[in-house]
Amino acid sequence: MDKDLSELQAYLADEYQIKFQRPELLAEAFTQASYVNEHPHQGLKFYERVEFLGDAVLQLFVSEYIYKRYPQLPQGKLTRLRAAMVCEDSFSKFAKECHFDEYIRLGKGEEKAGARQRASLLCDIFESFIGALYLDQGRDAVERFIHRVIFPKLDQGWFDHAVDAKTSLQEYLQRQGDVDIKYHLLAERGTENEPVFKVNVSANGQIIGVGQGSSKKHAEMAAAQQALVKLRKQE
């Protein structure tokens, strides 16, 4: 069963310091069409319109953030990074992390069919919540929320597959200021057709990762990835 929306209001206030001035927007954002169809005389609205807005808001805010954070990334890599962040898989995970799945208002049939755990629905609800929050409280409230929920995932490695490991390592190490990062070729062996390169990476003179690959570039990427894994385990 879905939890009462007043409980959702209390949860948002306690966890995120968010209090909707127009609770009807919050109700709309968490209501699926199947619930509306089962309560035809209540004059309810379902989430699709605010989802449409939330999708656009997220695209803009994420684009602006990564544009400023990665000043050296070309357009193609920025596009791939945004696609990894603004997608069904990511948004459904954010929705679960925020416990939004517990508050969706569903019809009985959809509830029995397991819609509450459906990635596509969780993604929609996350977007609709952002749309409702934007309408209710504007840009600043949305930015505070996504700075807490979405952007820290960059440092946690959620999107490393979309940004090369060397860039991710540089961002990770330079969070607190400049760090001297160097890659050193240790060995080159193998054959002309199947070469193997071995490289280490150091930060301020301390070796933090070693990797190998079929080219110097691939070996540097492997070293950076190993360094990222080790550093994150030490946190």
C-alpha atoms as a PDB file:
ATOM      1  CA  MET A   1       0.000   0.000   0.000  1.00  0.00           C
ATOM      2  CA  ASP A   2       1.151   3.552  -0.690  1.00  0.00           C
ATOM      3  CA  LYS A   3       1.885   5.679   2.333  1.00  0.00           C
ATOM      4  CA  ASP A   4      -0.193   8.751   3.046  1.00  0.00           C
ATOM      5  CA  LEU A   5       1.138  11.847   1.311  1.00  0.00           C
ATOM      6  CA  SER A   6       1.222  13.718   4.606  1.00  0.00           C
ATOM      7  CA  GLU A   7       3.870  11.217   5.655  1.00  0.00           C
ATOM      8  CA  LEU A   8       5.766  12.035   2.458  1.00  0.00           C
ATOM      9  CA  GLN A   9       5.592  15.724   3.357  1.00  0.00           C
ATOM     10  CA  ALA A  10       7.021  14.973   6.792  1.00  0.00           C
ATOM     11  CA  TYR A  11       9.747  12.773   5.315  1.00  0.00           C
ATOM     12  CA  LEU A  12      10.837  15.450   2.821  1.00  0.00           C
ATOM     13  CA  ALA A  13      10.894  18.093   5.539  1.00  0.00           C
ATOM     14  CA  ASP A  14      12.974  15.931   7.869  1.00  0.00           C
ATOM     15  CA  GLU A  15      15.373  14.454   5.316  1.00  0.00           C
ATOM     16  CA  TYR A  16      15.769  17.269   2.785  1.00  0.00           C
ATOM     17  CA  GLN A  17      14.329  20.352   4.511  1.00  0.00           C
ATOM     18  CA  ILE A  18      11.709  20.616   1.759  1.00  0.00           C
ATOM     19  CA  LYS A  19       8.158  21.742   2.559  1.00  0.00           C
ATOM     20  CA  PHE A  20       5.783  22.097  -0.367  1.00  0.00           C
ATOM     21  CA  GLN A  21       3.714  25.271  -0.383  1.00  0.00           C
ATOM     22  CA  ARG A  22       1.297  23.628  -2.834  1.00  0.00           C
ATOM     23  CA  PRO A  23       0.816  20.040  -1.629  1.00  0.00           C
ATOM     24  CA  GLU A  24      -1.377  19.294  -4.632  1.00  0.00           C
ATOM     25  CA  LEU A  25       1.748  19.461  -6.814  1.00  0.00           C
ATOM     26  CA  LEU A  26       3.457  16.857  -4.669  1.00  0.00           C
ATOM     27  CA  ALA A  27       0.369  14.652  -4.826  1.00  0.00           C
ATOM     28  CA  GLU A  28       0.280  14.984  -8.609  1.00  0.00           C
ATOM     29  CA  ALA A  29       3.963  14.056  -8.898  1.00  0.00           C
ATOM     30  CA  PHE A  30       3.470  10.790  -6.997  1.00  0.00           C
ATOM     31  CA  THR A  31       0.171   9.695  -8.574  1.00  0.00           C
ATOM     32  CA  GLN A  32       0.048   7.218 -11.453  1.00  0.00           C
ATOM     33  CA  ALA A  33      -2.814   7.197 -13.973  1.00  0.00           C
ATOM     34  CA  SER A  34      -4.056   3.836 -12.664  1.00  0.00           C
ATOM     35  CA  TYR A  35      -4.770   5.429  -9.279  1.00  0.00           C
ATOM     36  CA  VAL A  36      -6.659   8.300 -10.897  1.00  0.00           C
ATOM     37  CA  ASN A  37      -8.747   5.834 -12.900  1.00  0.00           C
ATOM     38  CA  GLU A  38      -9.758   4.020  -9.724  1.00  0.00           C
ATOM     39  CA  HIS A  39     -10.787   7.281  -8.034  1.00  0.00           C
ATOM     40  CA  PRO A  40     -12.664   9.070 -10.836  1.00  0.00           C
ATOM     41  CA  HIS A  41     -14.664  11.395  -8.571  1.00  0.00           C
ATOM     42  CA  GLN A  42     -11.735  12.894  -6.675  1.00  0.00           C
ATOM     43  CA  GLY A  43     -10.552  15.211  -9.443  1.00  0.00           C
ATOM     44  CA  LEU A  44      -7.000  13.899  -9.226  1.00  0.00           C
ATOM     45  CA  LYS A  45      -4.147  14.560 -11.642  1.00  0.00           C
ATOM     46  CA  PHE A  46      -1.349  12.141 -12.481  1.00  0.00           C
ATOM     47  CA  TYR A  47       2.345  12.802 -12.901  1.00  0.00           C
ATOM     48  CA  GLU A  48       2.969  12.974 -16.659  1.00  0.00           C
ATOM     49  CA  ARG A  49       2.812  16.754 -17.105  1.00  0.00           C
ATOM     50  CA  VAL A  50       5.149  17.556 -14.220  1.00  0.00           C
ATOM     51  CA  GLU A  51       7.403  14.712 -15.364  1.00  0.00           C
ATOM     52  CA  PHE A  52       7.722  16.452 -18.730  1.00  0.00           C
ATOM     53  CA  LEU A  53       8.896  19.603 -16.961  1.00  0.00           C
ATOM     54  CA  GLY A  54      11.190  17.760 -14.553  1.00  0.00           C
ATOM     55  CA  ASP A  55      12.975  16.023 -17.419  1.00  0.00           C
ATOM     56  CA  ALA A  56      13.800  19.393 -19.012  1.00  0.00           C
ATOM     57  CA  VAL A  57      14.894  20.913 -15.689  1.00  0.00           C
ATOM     58  CA  LEU A  58      17.244  18.015 -14.966  1.00  0.00           C
ATOM     59  CA  GLN A  59      18.740  18.130 -18.456  1.00  0.00           C
ATOM     60  CA  LEU A  60      19.521  21.817 -18.000  1.00  0.00           C
ATOM     61  CA  PHE A  61      20.908  21.663 -14.469  1.00  0.00           C
ATOM     62  CA  VAL A  62      23.067  18.588 -15.112  1.00  0.00           C
ATOM     63  CA  SER A  63      24.365  20.108 -18.359  1.00  0.00           C
ATOM     64  CA  GLU A  64      25.278  23.346 -16.611  1.00  0.00           C
ATOM     65  CA  TYR A  65      26.996  21.553 -13.725  1.00  0.00           C
ATOM     66  CA  ILE A  66      29.205  19.255 -15.803  1.00  0.00           C
ATOM     67  CA  TYR A  67      30.002  22.072 -18.251  1.00  0.00           C
ATOM     68  CA  LYS A  68      31.480  24.065 -15.374  1.00  0.00           C
ATOM     69  CA  ARG A  69      33.045  21.122 -13.550  1.00  0.00           C
ATOM     70  CA  TYR A  70      34.849  19.660 -16.568  1.00  0.00           C
ATOM     71  CA  PRO A  71      36.224  22.693 -18.452  1.00  0.00           C
ATOM     72  CA  GLN A  72      38.571  20.546 -20.550  1.00  0.00           C
ATOM     73  CA  LEU A  73      36.046  17.927 -21.696  1.00  0.00           C
ATOM     74  CA  PRO A  74      35.018  18.202 -25.362  1.00  0.00           C
ATOM     75  CA  GLN A  75      31.379  18.274 -26.388  1.00  0.00           C
ATOM     76  CA  GLY A  76      31.245  14.561 -27.229  1.00  0.00           C
ATOM     77  CA  LYS A  77      32.412  13.452 -23.779  1.00  0.00           C
ATOM     78  CA  LEU A  78      30.131  15.950 -22.058  1.00  0.00           C
ATOM     79  CA  THR A  79      27.233  14.483 -24.027  1.00  0.00           C
ATOM     80  CA  ARG A  80      28.145  10.923 -22.998  1.00  0.00           C
ATOM     81  CA  LEU A  81      28.486  11.936 -19.367  1.00  0.00           C
ATOM     82  CA  ARG A  82      25.118  13.708 -19.363  1.00  0.00           C
ATOM     83  CA  ALA A  83      23.510  10.680 -21.013  1.00  0.00           C
ATOM     84  CA  ALA A  84      24.854   8.454 -18.223  1.00  0.00           C
ATOM     85  CA  MET A  85      23.544  10.793 -15.533  1.00  0.00           C
ATOM     86  CA  VAL A  86      20.196  11.692 -17.100  1.00  0.00           C
ATOM     87  CA  CYS A  87      18.765   8.278 -17.895  1.00  0.00           C
ATOM     88  CA  GLU A  88      16.281   5.706 -16.642  1.00  0.00           C
ATOM     89  CA  ASP A  89      18.882   3.584 -14.864  1.00  0.00           C
ATOM     90  CA  SER A  90      20.310   6.509 -12.896  1.00  0.00           C
ATOM     91  CA  PHE A  91      17.004   8.173 -12.050  1.00  0.00           C
ATOM     92  CA  SER A  92      15.404   4.924 -10.917  1.00  0.00           C
ATOM     93  CA  LYS A  93      18.343   4.369  -8.552  1.00  0.00           C
ATOM     94  CA  PHE A  94      18.056   7.930  -7.218  1.00  0.00           C
ATOM     95  CA  ALA A  95      14.334   7.399  -6.632  1.00  0.00           C
ATOM     96  CA  LYS A  96      14.995   4.212  -4.649  1.00  0.00           C
ATOM     97  CA  GLU A  97      17.745   5.903  -2.654  1.00  0.00           C
ATOM     98  CA  CYS A  98      15.299   8.687  -1.766  1.00  0.00           C
ATOM     99  CA  HIS A  99      12.617   6.080  -0.845  1.00  0.00           C
ATOM    100  CA  PHE A 100      10.245   7.596  -3.397  1.00  0.00           C
ATOM    101  CA  ASP A 101       9.048   4.099  -4.340  1.00  0.00           C
ATOM    102  CA  GLU A 102       7.320   3.864  -0.952  1.00  0.00           C
ATOM    103  CA  TYR A 103       5.051   6.832  -1.646  1.00  0.00           C
ATOM    104  CA  ILE A 104       3.797   6.235  -5.219  1.00  0.00           C
ATOM    105  CA  ARG A 105      -0.002   6.120  -5.465  1.00  0.00           C
ATOM    106  CA  LEU A 106      -0.914   3.148  -7.674  1.00  0.00           C
ATOM    107  CA  GLY A 107      -4.056   1.388  -8.748  1.00  0.00           C
ATOM    108  CA  LYS A 108      -4.601  -2.081  -7.304  1.00  0.00           C
ATOM    109  CA  GLY A 109      -3.788  -3.842 -10.566  1.00  0.00           C
ATOM    110  CA  GLU A 110      -0.504  -1.999 -11.020  1.00  0.00           C
ATOM    111  CA  GLU A 111       0.367  -2.646  -7.381  1.00  0.00           C
ATOM    112  CA  LYS A 112      -0.150  -6.383  -7.829  1.00  0.00           C
ATOM    113  CA  ALA A 113       1.885  -6.315 -11.052  1.00  0.00           C
ATOM    114  CA  GLY A 114       4.878  -4.948  -9.158  1.00  0.00           C
ATOM    115  CA  ALA A 115       4.887  -1.506 -10.775  1.00  0.00           C
ATOM    116  CA  ARG A 116       6.287   0.053  -7.609  1.00  0.00           C
ATOM    117  CA  GLN A 117       9.680  -1.509  -8.392  1.00  0.00           C
ATOM    118  CA  ARG A 118       9.573  -0.901 -12.152  1.00  0.00           C
ATOM    119  CA  ALA A 119      12.601   1.127 -13.248  1.00  0.00           C
ATOM    120  CA  SER A 120      10.656   3.107 -15.843  1.00  0.00           C
ATOM    121  CA  LEU A 121       8.070   4.213 -13.280  1.00  0.00           C
ATOM    122  CA  LEU A 122      10.708   5.081 -10.673  1.00  0.00           C
ATOM    123  CA  CYS A 123      12.488   7.195 -13.277  1.00  0.00           C
ATOM    124  CA  ASP A 124       9.222   8.973 -14.134  1.00  0.00           C
ATOM    125  CA  ILE A 125       8.483   9.674 -10.473  1.00  0.00           C
ATOM    126  CA  PHE A 126      11.941  11.117  -9.876  1.00  0.00           C
ATOM    127  CA  GLU A 127      11.508  13.459 -12.850  1.00  0.00           C
ATOM    128  CA  SER A 128       7.983  14.420 -11.801  1.00  0.00           C
ATOM    129  CA  PHE A 129       9.158  15.225  -8.277  1.00  0.00           C
ATOM    130  CA  ILE A 130      11.808  17.562  -9.719  1.00  0.00           C
ATOM    131  CA  GLY A 131       9.180  19.207 -11.927  1.00  0.00           C
ATOM    132  CA  ALA A 132       6.843  19.695  -8.977  1.00  0.00           C
ATOM    133  CA  LEU A 133       9.639  21.043  -6.780  1.00  0.00           C
ATOM    134  CA  TYR A 134      10.636  23.507  -9.488  1.00  0.00           C
ATOM    135  CA  LEU A 135       7.057  24.767  -9.841  1.00  0.00           C
ATOM    136  CA  ASP A 136       6.598  25.022  -6.091  1.00  0.00           C
ATOM    137  CA  GLN A 137       9.906  26.532  -4.996  1.00  0.00           C
ATOM    138  CA  GLY A 138      11.985  27.431  -8.031  1.00  0.00           C
ATOM    139  CA  ARG A 139      15.543  26.903  -9.162  1.00  0.00           C
ATOM    140  CA  ASP A 140      17.387  27.198  -5.853  1.00  0.00           C
ATOM    141  CA  ALA A 141      15.419  24.406  -4.173  1.00  0.00           C
ATOM    142  CA  VAL A 142      15.993  22.055  -7.096  1.00  0.00           C
ATOM    143  CA  GLU A 143      19.703  22.837  -7.148  1.00  0.00           C
ATOM    144  CA  ARG A 144      20.054  22.137  -3.423  1.00  0.00           C
ATOM    145  CA  PHE A 145      18.316  18.799  -3.845  1.00  0.00           C
ATOM    146  CA  ILE A 146      20.295  17.569  -6.836  1.00  0.00           C
ATOM    147  CA  HIS A 147      23.566  18.810  -5.358  1.00  0.00           C
ATOM    148  CA  ARG A 148      22.854  16.437  -2.498  1.00  0.00           C
ATOM    149  CA  VAL A 149      21.365  13.502  -4.406  1.00  0.00           C
ATOM    150  CA  ILE A 150      22.954  13.457  -7.875  1.00  0.00           C
ATOM    151  CA  PHE A 151      26.243  15.308  -8.089  1.00  0.00           C
ATOM    152  CA  PRO A 152      28.098  13.492  -5.258  1.00  0.00           C
ATOM    153  CA  LYS A 153      27.760  10.330  -7.360  1.00  0.00           C
ATOM    154  CA  LEU A 154      30.418  11.719  -9.685  1.00  0.00           C
ATOM    155  CA  ASP A 155      32.961  11.482  -6.865  1.00  0.00           C
ATOM    156  CA  GLN A 156      31.663   8.021  -5.944  1.00  0.00           C
ATOM    157  CA  GLY A 157      32.437   6.686  -9.430  1.00  0.00           C
ATOM    158  CA  TRP A 158      28.888   6.079 -10.659  1.00  0.00           C
ATOM    159  CA  PHE A 159      29.669   7.573 -14.051  1.00  0.00           C
ATOM    160  CA  ASP A 160      33.316   6.638 -14.562  1.00  0.00           C
ATOM    161  CA  HIS A 161      32.334   4.618 -17.621  1.00  0.00           C
ATOM    162  CA  ALA A 162      31.201   7.820 -19.327  1.00  0.00           C
ATOM    163  CA  VAL A 163      34.300   9.870 -18.470  1.00  0.00           C
ATOM    164  CA  ASP A 164      37.762   8.387 -18.983  1.00  0.00           C
ATOM    165  CA  ALA A 165      39.510   7.209 -15.836  1.00  0.00           C
ATOM    166  CA  LYS A 166      42.322   9.771 -16.113  1.00  0.00           C
ATOM    167  CA  THR A 167      39.816  12.625 -16.009  1.00  0.00           C
ATOM    168  CA  SER A 168      37.970  11.016 -13.096  1.00  0.00           C
ATOM    169  CA  LEU A 169      41.217  10.539 -11.158  1.00  0.00           C
ATOM    170  CA  GLN A 170      42.237  14.142 -11.743  1.00  0.00           C
ATOM    171  CA  GLU A 171      38.851  15.382 -10.529  1.00  0.00           C
ATOM    172  CA  TYR A 172      38.994  13.100  -7.494  1.00  0.00           C
ATOM    173  CA  LEU A 173      42.498  14.129  -6.446  1.00  0.00           C
ATOM    174  CA  GLN A 174      42.036  17.844  -7.041  1.00  0.00           C
ATOM    175  CA  ARG A 175      38.873  18.248  -4.993  1.00  0.00           C
ATOM    176  CA  GLN A 176      40.905  19.910  -2.223  1.00  0.00           C
ATOM    177  CA  GLY A 177      43.407  21.761  -4.425  1.00  0.00           C
ATOM    178  CA  ASP A 178      46.159  21.230  -6.980  1.00  0.00           C
ATOM    179  CA  VAL A 179      47.882  17.849  -7.081  1.00  0.00           C
ATOM    180  CA  ASP A 180      50.881  16.952  -9.258  1.00  0.00           C
ATOM    181  CA  ILE A 181      49.773  13.859 -11.221  1.00  0.00           C
ATOM    182  CA  LYS A 182      52.308  12.049 -13.377  1.00  0.00           C
ATOM    183  CA  TYR A 183      52.274   8.878 -15.486  1.00  0.00           C
ATOM    184  CA  HIS A 184      55.542   6.962 -15.913  1.00  0.00           C
ATOM    185  CA  LEU A 185      56.228   4.214 -18.452  1.00  0.00           C
ATOM    186  CA  LEU A 186      57.716   1.253 -16.560  1.00  0.00           C
ATOM    187  CA  ALA A 187      58.089  -1.299 -19.339  1.00  0.00           C
ATOM    188  CA  GLU A 188      57.281  -2.051 -22.950  1.00  0.00           C
ATOM    189  CA  ARG A 189      57.315  -5.681 -23.990  1.00  0.00           C
ATOM    190  CA  GLY A 190      55.500  -8.154 -26.193  1.00  0.00           C
ATOM    191  CA  THR A 191      55.664  -8.181 -29.973  1.00  0.00           C
ATOM    192  CA  GLU A 192      55.154  -5.507 -32.595  1.00  0.00           C
ATOM    193  CA  ASN A 193      51.676  -6.859 -33.299  1.00  0.00           C
ATOM    194  CA  GLU A 194      50.805  -7.467 -29.649  1.00  0.00           C
ATOM    195  CA  PRO A 195      52.684  -4.928 -27.519  1.00  0.00           C
ATOM    196  CA  VAL A 196      52.171  -4.631 -23.757  1.00  0.00           C
ATOM    197  CA  PHE A 197      52.839  -1.379 -21.934  1.00  0.00           C
ATOM    198  CA  LYS A 198      53.145  -1.028 -18.155  1.00  0.00           C
ATOM    199  CA  VAL A 199      52.627   2.372 -16.500  1.00  0.00           C
ATOM    200  CA  ASN A 200      52.340   3.759 -12.998  1.00  0.00           C
ATOM    201  CA  VAL A 201      50.611   6.912 -11.842  1.00  0.00           C
ATOM    202  CA  SER A 202      51.775   9.075  -8.965  1.00  0.00           C
ATOM    203  CA  ALA A 203      50.267  11.937  -6.989  1.00  0.00           C
ATOM    204  CA  ASN A 204      52.723  14.408  -5.498  1.00  0.00           C
ATOM    205  CA  GLY A 205      55.466  11.837  -5.976  1.00  0.00           C
ATOM    206  CA  GLN A 206      53.626   8.909  -4.358  1.00  0.00           C
ATOM    207  CA  ILE A 207      52.730   5.957  -6.597  1.00  0.00           C
ATOM    208  CA  ILE A 208      49.001   5.289  -6.326  1.00  0.00           C
ATOM    209  CA  GLY A 209      48.296   2.913  -9.213  1.00  0.00           C
ATOM    210  CA  VAL A 210      49.822   0.591 -11.804  1.00  0.00           C
ATOM    211  CA  GLY A 211      48.285  -0.624 -15.028  1.00  0.00           C
ATOM    212  CA  GLN A 212      49.050  -2.250 -18.326  1.00  0.00           C
ATOM    213  CA  GLY A 213      47.519  -2.279 -21.772  1.00  0.00           C
ATOM    214  CA  SER A 214      48.070  -2.686 -25.492  1.00  0.00           C
ATOM    215  CA  SER A 215      49.061   0.984 -25.800  1.00  0.00           C
ATOM    216  CA  LYS A 216      50.540   3.579 -23.501  1.00  0.00           C
ATOM    217  CA  LYS A 217      47.164   5.330 -23.374  1.00  0.00           C
ATOM    218  CA  HIS A 218      45.340   2.141 -22.371  1.00  0.00           C
ATOM    219  CA  ALA A 219      47.976   1.417 -19.713  1.00  0.00           C
ATOM    220  CA  GLU A 220      47.553   4.918 -18.270  1.00  0.00           C
ATOM    221  CA  MET A 221      43.776   4.423 -18.172  1.00  0.00           C
ATOM    222  CA  ALA A 222      44.227   1.117 -16.328  1.00  0.00           C
ATOM    223  CA  ALA A 223      46.609   2.711 -13.820  1.00  0.00           C
ATOM    224  CA  ALA A 224      44.172   5.559 -13.201  1.00  0.00           C
ATOM    225  CA  GLN A 225      41.289   3.123 -12.708  1.00  0.00           C
ATOM    226  CA  GLN A 226      43.293   1.063 -10.209  1.00  0.00           C
ATOM    227  CA  ALA A 227      44.196   4.243  -8.329  1.00  0.00           C
ATOM    228  CA  LEU A 228      40.549   5.318  -8.177  1.00  0.00           C
ATOM    229  CA  VAL A 229      39.455   1.950  -6.799  1.00  0.00           C
ATOM    230  CA  LYS A 230      42.181   1.991  -4.118  1.00  0.00           C
ATOM    231  CA  LEU A 231      41.530   5.591  -3.074  1.00  0.00           C
ATOM    232  CA  ARG A 232      37.789   5.074  -2.761  1.00  0.00           C
ATOM    233  CA  LYS A 233      38.282   1.965  -0.626  1.00  0.00           C
ATOM    234  CA  GLN A 234      40.394   4.040   1.759  1.00  0.00           C
ATOM    235  CA  GLU A 235      37.626   6.629   2.339  1.00  0.00           C
END
